[in-house]
Amino acid sequence: MKLALVTDAWAPQVNGVVTTMRNTSEHLRERGVDVTTITPDQFRSVPCPGYREIRLSIAPYRKVARILESRQPDVIHIATEGPLGRAARKYCMRHHMPFATSLHTRFPEYLRMRAPIPLGFTYGILRDFHAPARVTLVRTRTQKMELEEKGFRHLEVWPGAVDTRLFYPRGKGALELPRPISLFVGRVAVEKGLPGFLDLDLPGSKVVIGGGPDLDKLKSEYPDAHFLGPRFGEELAGLISAADVFVFPSRTDTFGLVMLEAMACGVPIAAYPVPGPQDLVIPGSTGYLDEDLASAFFKALELDSDACIEFALDHSWQRSTERFLSFQTQIDWSGGSGGAAALAEEQEEMGERVVSL
């Protein structure tokens, strides 16, 4: 099989979508799939306003079209709704080619936190973007139900995964700080709800790992917290293992891959009872969910690490990739894309609205 994977989320960005796309493409190749990745590093780009770590490709349509025409993939999977995703979708619509998509984030909520744009408007754009896809993969059952209520169709659940060869218990020595240690790992940005963690009255030490647009602001506002900046690979796994509880204050994540990474390291989770954590955390086993995040922290502190590790081991990249591939192979890729021909002009006009990551 020849598969084209189109994603606006790619290195040097650091987030769950990038990790998912990178690991999925690698495991697909290990299974013998001929994978072509179309990513921002292949195009001229500019920093996303307000979020310089994200690069937006400039006028990518012609190059995207050339790549797809030269590679002649059997399957086209569009992973994001940014400039590259919109260009690939436009190509498929113009040539009546079937395609699949995936929906990884709550972009409307992220955007609403930065600008007074109604959620219904942005969800309408996303719904139109994904409507012609043969299948749209989402991260959890909760996300699937929420999107179906908003009029999205052809949804299937593609669960996340964790690299247990990297993330496993490595002892507590990497952080020499007063205990208990509460830890957050992720983008330091408004959508992650970090004040909900940093404002808590907790004993011991609070640690934040990651970079983002709010890093300097939060460092000045919370001088007692330990901001370590971005960390990667084995160093990151060691730091996560050294924590006592992983605190996840986001209310907007569709999944929360870092929670799986923490569990794989034997660290229980404290989070709000919202989508994402509700799909990953088994209360009383792998963590606790509570609107009182401090209460969830204190209860999670008493949990044994074995259940966390066992849960994470059931979420391997091998299993995730098999599920991803099964959805691609179940689709009838021969013939046209159903209503694509009739919808092409309308959808292309809709696609011209700016929908970045």
Protein backbone atom coordinates (compact mmCIF):
# COMPACT_ATOMS: atom_id res chain seq x y z
CA MET A 1 0.00 0.00 0.00
CA LYS A 2 1.12 3.54 -0.78
CA LEU A 3 -0.17 6.06 1.74
CA ALA A 4 0.18 9.84 1.78
CA LEU A 5 0.03 11.38 5.24
CA VAL A 6 -0.60 15.14 5.18
CA THR A 7 -0.05 17.05 8.41
CA ASP A 8 0.57 20.65 9.43
CA ALA A 9 1.77 19.38 12.82
CA TRP A 10 5.38 18.25 12.60
CA ALA A 11 8.80 18.79 14.14
CA PRO A 12 10.10 21.06 15.52
CA GLN A 13 6.65 21.50 17.05
CA VAL A 14 6.31 19.56 20.31
CA ASN A 15 2.81 18.31 21.00
CA GLY A 16 0.69 15.17 21.03
CA VAL A 17 -0.38 15.51 17.39
CA VAL A 18 3.25 15.62 16.22
CA THR A 19 4.11 12.60 18.36
CA THR A 20 1.12 10.71 16.99
CA MET A 21 1.88 11.49 13.35
CA ARG A 22 5.59 10.76 13.65
CA ASN A 23 5.17 7.44 15.47
CA THR A 24 2.31 6.33 13.23
CA SER A 25 4.32 6.98 10.07
CA GLU A 26 7.32 5.11 11.51
CA HIS A 27 5.25 2.08 12.53
CA LEU A 28 3.45 2.05 9.18
CA ARG A 29 6.82 1.84 7.43
CA GLU A 30 7.85 -1.01 9.74
CA ARG A 31 4.74 -2.85 8.52
CA GLY A 32 5.80 -2.40 4.89
CA VAL A 33 3.54 0.55 4.01
CA ASP A 34 5.07 3.00 1.52
CA VAL A 35 4.45 6.27 3.42
CA THR A 36 4.85 9.73 1.93
CA THR A 37 4.66 12.49 4.54
CA ILE A 38 3.71 16.00 3.44
CA THR A 39 4.84 18.29 6.25
CA PRO A 40 5.65 21.98 6.85
CA ASP A 41 9.44 21.48 6.66
CA GLN A 42 9.03 20.89 2.90
CA PHE A 43 7.50 24.35 2.30
CA ARG A 44 8.15 28.01 2.83
CA SER A 45 6.40 28.98 6.03
CA VAL A 46 5.76 31.75 8.52
CA PRO A 47 5.23 31.61 12.29
CA CYS A 48 1.62 31.37 13.41
CA PRO A 49 0.59 34.74 14.92
CA GLY A 50 0.68 34.45 18.68
CA TYR A 51 2.22 30.98 18.56
CA ARG A 52 5.61 31.16 16.85
CA GLU A 53 6.42 27.49 17.45
CA ILE A 54 3.79 26.56 14.84
CA ARG A 55 4.79 27.13 11.22
CA LEU A 56 2.13 27.87 8.60
CA SER A 57 2.99 26.83 5.04
CA ILE A 58 2.67 29.58 2.42
CA ALA A 59 0.63 28.90 -0.75
CA PRO A 60 1.32 25.15 -0.65
CA TYR A 61 -1.29 23.91 -3.15
CA ARG A 62 0.87 23.50 -6.26
CA LYS A 63 3.63 21.63 -4.44
CA VAL A 64 1.15 19.43 -2.58
CA ALA A 65 -0.49 18.61 -5.92
CA ARG A 66 2.89 17.77 -7.49
CA ILE A 67 3.78 15.43 -4.63
CA LEU A 68 0.45 13.62 -4.77
CA GLU A 69 0.59 13.32 -8.56
CA SER A 70 4.13 11.96 -8.52
CA ARG A 71 3.59 9.48 -5.67
CA GLN A 72 0.14 8.26 -6.78
CA PRO A 73 -0.86 7.05 -3.29
CA ASP A 74 -3.55 4.45 -2.81
CA VAL A 75 -4.71 6.22 0.35
CA ILE A 76 -4.62 9.91 1.29
CA HIS A 77 -4.97 10.72 4.97
CA ILE A 78 -5.30 14.38 5.98
CA ALA A 79 -4.39 14.75 9.63
CA THR A 80 -4.90 18.50 10.18
CA GLU A 81 -7.05 21.37 8.94
CA GLY A 82 -4.18 23.85 8.41
CA PRO A 83 -2.74 25.11 5.09
CA LEU A 84 -1.35 21.71 4.04
CA GLY A 85 -4.50 19.86 5.02
CA ARG A 86 -6.64 22.36 3.13
CA ALA A 87 -4.40 22.10 0.06
CA ALA A 88 -4.58 18.29 0.04
CA ARG A 89 -8.34 18.39 0.54
CA LYS A 90 -8.69 20.86 -2.35
CA TYR A 91 -6.65 18.55 -4.60
CA CYS A 92 -8.79 15.54 -3.68
CA MET A 93 -12.01 17.45 -4.24
CA ARG A 94 -10.90 18.76 -7.63
CA HIS A 95 -9.87 15.30 -8.80
CA HIS A 96 -12.79 13.45 -7.15
CA MET A 97 -10.38 11.39 -5.08
CA PRO A 98 -11.52 9.77 -1.82
CA PHE A 99 -9.62 10.71 1.32
CA ALA A 100 -9.69 10.14 5.07
CA THR A 101 -9.13 12.69 7.84
CA SER A 102 -8.47 12.81 11.55
CA LEU A 103 -9.49 15.36 14.14
CA HIS A 104 -7.06 15.69 17.05
CA THR A 105 -7.82 18.92 18.92
CA ARG A 106 -10.55 21.19 20.18
CA PHE A 107 -9.41 23.97 17.89
CA PRO A 108 -12.63 26.01 18.26
CA GLU A 109 -12.13 26.14 22.04
CA TYR A 110 -8.42 27.03 21.60
CA LEU A 111 -9.33 29.84 19.23
CA ARG A 112 -12.13 31.10 21.48
CA MET A 113 -9.62 31.54 24.31
CA ARG A 114 -7.62 33.91 22.12
CA ALA A 115 -10.33 35.75 20.18
CA PRO A 116 -14.12 36.37 20.51
CA ILE A 117 -15.06 33.94 17.73
CA PRO A 118 -18.26 31.92 18.36
CA LEU A 119 -17.71 28.20 18.81
CA GLY A 120 -20.58 27.41 16.44
CA PHE A 121 -18.91 29.33 13.62
CA THR A 122 -15.57 27.52 13.94
CA TYR A 123 -17.17 24.11 14.42
CA GLY A 124 -19.16 24.78 11.27
CA ILE A 125 -15.95 25.31 9.31
CA LEU A 126 -14.48 22.09 10.74
CA ARG A 127 -17.67 20.17 9.98
CA ASP A 128 -17.55 21.34 6.36
CA PHE A 129 -13.86 20.48 6.12
CA HIS A 130 -14.34 16.88 7.25
CA ALA A 131 -17.75 16.23 5.65
CA PRO A 132 -16.46 14.78 2.32
CA ALA A 133 -14.00 12.39 4.03
CA ARG A 134 -14.75 8.68 3.80
CA VAL A 135 -13.89 8.42 7.49
CA THR A 136 -12.76 10.87 10.17
CA LEU A 137 -10.72 9.38 12.99
CA VAL A 138 -11.12 10.87 16.47
CA ARG A 139 -9.25 10.17 19.68
CA THR A 140 -11.87 8.98 22.14
CA ARG A 141 -15.47 7.76 22.45
CA THR A 142 -16.37 10.97 24.27
CA GLN A 143 -15.01 13.11 21.44
CA LYS A 144 -16.94 10.99 18.94
CA MET A 145 -20.22 11.50 20.79
CA GLU A 146 -19.66 15.25 21.18
CA LEU A 147 -18.87 15.70 17.49
CA GLU A 148 -21.84 13.60 16.40
CA GLU A 149 -24.06 15.93 18.42
CA LYS A 150 -22.54 18.80 16.42
CA GLY A 151 -23.43 17.17 13.11
CA PHE A 152 -20.15 15.41 12.24
CA ARG A 153 -20.52 12.09 10.45
CA HIS A 154 -18.46 9.02 9.47
CA LEU A 155 -16.51 9.10 12.74
CA GLU A 156 -14.40 6.26 14.10
CA VAL A 157 -12.31 6.09 17.27
CA TRP A 158 -8.54 5.84 16.85
CA PRO A 159 -7.12 5.65 20.38
CA GLY A 160 -3.77 7.15 21.28
CA ALA A 161 -0.69 5.23 22.30
CA VAL A 162 2.52 5.46 24.28
CA ASP A 163 6.07 4.33 23.56
CA THR A 164 6.67 1.98 26.49
CA ARG A 165 10.23 1.37 25.27
CA LEU A 166 10.95 4.97 26.27
CA PHE A 167 8.43 5.68 29.00
CA TYR A 168 8.81 3.27 31.90
CA PRO A 169 9.59 3.65 35.62
CA ARG A 170 13.13 5.02 36.04
CA GLY A 171 13.18 5.78 39.75
CA LYS A 172 12.71 9.07 41.58
CA GLY A 173 16.25 10.43 41.45
CA ALA A 174 15.90 12.84 38.52
CA LEU A 175 14.18 15.51 40.63
CA GLU A 176 15.89 16.46 43.90
CA LEU A 177 13.09 18.62 45.25
CA PRO A 178 10.89 18.57 48.34
CA ARG A 179 8.19 15.93 48.04
CA PRO A 180 5.53 15.22 47.06
CA ILE A 181 6.29 16.40 43.53
CA SER A 182 3.33 17.39 41.34
CA LEU A 183 4.17 17.59 37.65
CA PHE A 184 2.71 18.96 34.43
CA VAL A 185 4.18 18.32 30.98
CA GLY A 186 2.89 20.03 27.86
CA ARG A 187 2.57 23.31 25.99
CA VAL A 188 2.69 26.29 28.28
CA ALA A 189 -0.29 27.96 26.68
CA VAL A 190 -3.68 29.31 27.70
CA GLU A 191 -5.62 26.24 26.53
CA LYS A 192 -3.77 24.01 29.00
CA GLY A 193 -5.30 25.74 32.01
CA LEU A 194 -2.04 25.88 33.97
CA PRO A 195 -3.25 28.40 36.57
CA GLY A 196 -5.70 25.70 37.65
CA PHE A 197 -2.64 23.70 38.71
CA LEU A 198 -0.28 26.45 39.82
CA ASP A 199 -2.91 28.13 42.04
CA LEU A 200 -3.42 24.96 44.08
CA ASP A 201 -2.29 24.89 47.69
CA LEU A 202 -0.24 21.69 47.57
CA PRO A 203 2.64 20.47 49.71
CA GLY A 204 6.05 19.77 48.23
CA SER A 205 7.06 21.04 44.78
CA LYS A 206 5.25 21.97 41.58
CA VAL A 207 7.13 21.28 38.34
CA VAL A 208 6.23 22.37 34.80
CA ILE A 209 8.01 20.90 31.77
CA GLY A 210 7.43 22.41 28.35
CA GLY A 211 7.65 25.60 26.35
CA GLY A 212 5.07 27.88 24.83
CA PRO A 213 3.79 31.44 24.52
CA ASP A 214 2.85 31.78 28.19
CA LEU A 215 6.12 30.48 29.67
CA ASP A 216 7.70 33.82 30.63
CA LYS A 217 4.42 35.20 31.95
CA LEU A 218 3.77 32.21 34.21
CA LYS A 219 7.35 32.07 35.44
CA SER A 220 7.02 35.64 36.69
CA GLU A 221 3.57 35.04 38.22
CA TYR A 222 4.50 31.78 39.97
CA PRO A 223 8.10 32.14 41.21
CA ASP A 224 7.75 29.22 43.63
CA ALA A 225 7.06 26.73 40.83
CA HIS A 226 9.89 25.03 38.95
CA PHE A 227 9.74 25.68 35.19
CA LEU A 228 12.23 23.38 33.46
CA GLY A 229 11.46 24.30 29.85
CA PRO A 230 11.21 21.72 27.06
CA ARG A 231 12.78 18.32 27.74
CA PHE A 232 12.90 15.31 25.44
CA GLY A 233 13.59 11.63 25.14
CA GLU A 234 15.14 9.73 28.02
CA GLU A 235 15.66 12.89 30.05
CA LEU A 236 11.92 13.64 29.84
CA ALA A 237 11.01 10.06 30.75
CA GLY A 238 13.30 10.23 33.78
CA LEU A 239 11.79 13.51 34.96
CA ILE A 240 8.24 12.19 34.60
CA SER A 241 9.17 9.04 36.53
CA ALA A 242 10.51 11.19 39.37
CA ALA A 243 7.11 12.80 39.99
CA ASP A 244 4.59 11.57 42.55
CA VAL A 245 1.43 12.78 40.78
CA PHE A 246 0.90 14.06 37.25
CA VAL A 247 -1.54 16.99 37.36
CA PHE A 248 -3.44 17.60 34.12
CA PRO A 249 -5.44 20.86 34.39
CA SER A 250 -6.58 21.09 30.76
CA ARG A 251 -10.29 21.12 30.00
CA THR A 252 -9.84 21.24 26.22
CA ASP A 253 -7.66 18.26 25.23
CA THR A 254 -9.31 15.55 23.18
CA PHE A 255 -6.98 12.89 24.54
CA GLY A 256 -3.92 13.99 26.52
CA LEU A 257 -1.08 11.74 25.37
CA VAL A 258 1.16 12.95 28.21
CA MET A 259 -1.17 11.27 30.69
CA LEU A 260 -0.43 7.91 29.06
CA GLU A 261 3.28 8.69 29.17
CA ALA A 262 3.00 9.46 32.89
CA MET A 263 1.08 6.25 33.55
CA ALA A 264 3.71 4.25 31.67
CA CYS A 265 6.26 5.74 34.09
CA GLY A 266 4.13 4.61 37.03
CA VAL A 267 2.79 8.08 37.91
CA PRO A 268 -0.95 8.43 38.68
CA ILE A 269 -3.08 11.26 37.29
CA ALA A 270 -5.06 14.07 38.91
CA ALA A 271 -7.39 15.81 36.48
CA TYR A 272 -10.78 17.38 35.99
CA PRO A 273 -13.72 15.10 35.06
CA VAL A 274 -13.79 16.24 31.42
CA PRO A 275 -13.33 14.55 28.02
CA GLY A 276 -9.81 13.29 27.60
CA PRO A 277 -9.16 12.40 31.24
CA GLN A 278 -12.56 10.68 31.41
CA ASP A 279 -11.46 8.38 28.61
CA LEU A 280 -8.06 7.54 30.12
CA VAL A 281 -8.20 7.72 33.90
CA ILE A 282 -9.74 4.86 35.85
CA PRO A 283 -10.72 6.50 39.16
CA GLY A 284 -9.15 4.75 42.10
CA SER A 285 -6.79 2.82 39.84
CA THR A 286 -4.79 5.05 37.47
CA GLY A 287 -5.74 8.36 39.05
CA TYR A 288 -8.63 10.49 40.24
CA LEU A 289 -10.94 13.01 38.57
CA ASP A 290 -12.47 15.84 40.56
CA GLU A 291 -13.58 19.43 40.01
CA ASP A 292 -11.53 20.04 43.16
CA LEU A 293 -8.14 19.35 41.57
CA ALA A 294 -6.37 19.44 44.93
CA SER A 295 -8.66 16.68 46.19
CA ALA A 296 -7.83 14.60 43.09
CA PHE A 297 -4.12 15.19 43.79
CA PHE A 298 -4.24 14.00 47.40
CA LYS A 299 -6.23 10.90 46.49
CA ALA A 300 -3.98 10.06 43.54
CA LEU A 301 -0.97 10.37 45.83
CA GLU A 302 -2.12 7.24 47.64
CA LEU A 303 -2.38 5.05 44.53
CA ASP A 304 -0.06 2.21 43.61
CA SER A 305 1.92 2.61 40.38
CA ASP A 306 1.37 -0.93 39.05
CA ALA A 307 -2.14 -0.27 37.74
CA CYS A 308 -0.89 2.78 35.84
CA ILE A 309 1.88 0.77 34.18
CA GLU A 310 -0.47 -2.08 33.28
CA PHE A 311 -2.98 0.31 31.70
CA ALA A 312 -0.28 1.99 29.61
CA LEU A 313 1.04 -1.34 28.34
CA ASP A 314 -2.34 -1.94 26.69
CA HIS A 315 -1.88 1.22 24.59
CA SER A 316 1.11 0.40 22.40
CA TRP A 317 1.95 2.13 19.12
CA GLN A 318 1.74 -1.24 17.43
CA ARG A 319 -1.93 -1.60 18.38
CA SER A 320 -2.68 2.02 17.53
CA THR A 321 -1.08 1.69 14.09
CA GLU A 322 -2.96 -1.54 13.38
CA ARG A 323 -6.23 0.25 14.13
CA PHE A 324 -5.26 3.22 11.97
CA LEU A 325 -4.36 0.92 9.11
CA SER A 326 -7.52 -1.13 9.47
CA PHE A 327 -9.67 1.95 8.87
CA GLN A 328 -7.70 2.83 5.75
CA THR A 329 -7.94 -0.69 4.31
CA GLN A 330 -11.66 -1.07 5.05
CA ILE A 331 -12.52 1.92 2.88
CA ASP A 332 -13.48 1.43 -0.75
CA TRP A 333 -10.91 3.73 -2.34
CA SER A 334 -11.97 2.93 -5.88
CA GLY A 335 -14.34 5.31 -7.64
CA GLY A 336 -15.31 8.84 -6.78
CA SER A 337 -15.80 10.47 -3.43
CA GLY A 338 -19.56 10.26 -3.27
CA GLY A 339 -20.94 13.75 -3.06
CA ALA A 340 -17.58 15.37 -3.62
CA ALA A 341 -18.29 16.45 -7.18
CA ALA A 342 -21.46 18.30 -6.26
CA LEU A 343 -19.89 19.80 -3.16
CA ALA A 344 -16.50 20.69 -4.61
CA GLU A 345 -17.11 24.34 -5.42
CA GLU A 346 -18.91 25.07 -2.16
CA GLN A 347 -16.31 23.23 -0.07
CA GLU A 348 -13.38 24.92 -1.77
CA GLU A 349 -14.87 28.31 -1.00
CA MET A 350 -15.36 27.27 2.60
CA GLY A 351 -11.79 25.99 2.69
CA GLU A 352 -10.49 29.45 1.88
CA ARG A 353 -11.42 30.58 5.38
CA VAL A 354 -8.34 30.55 7.51
CA VAL A 355 -8.29 27.50 9.76
CA SER A 356 -4.84 27.11 11.27
CA LEU A 357 -3.68 24.79 14.02
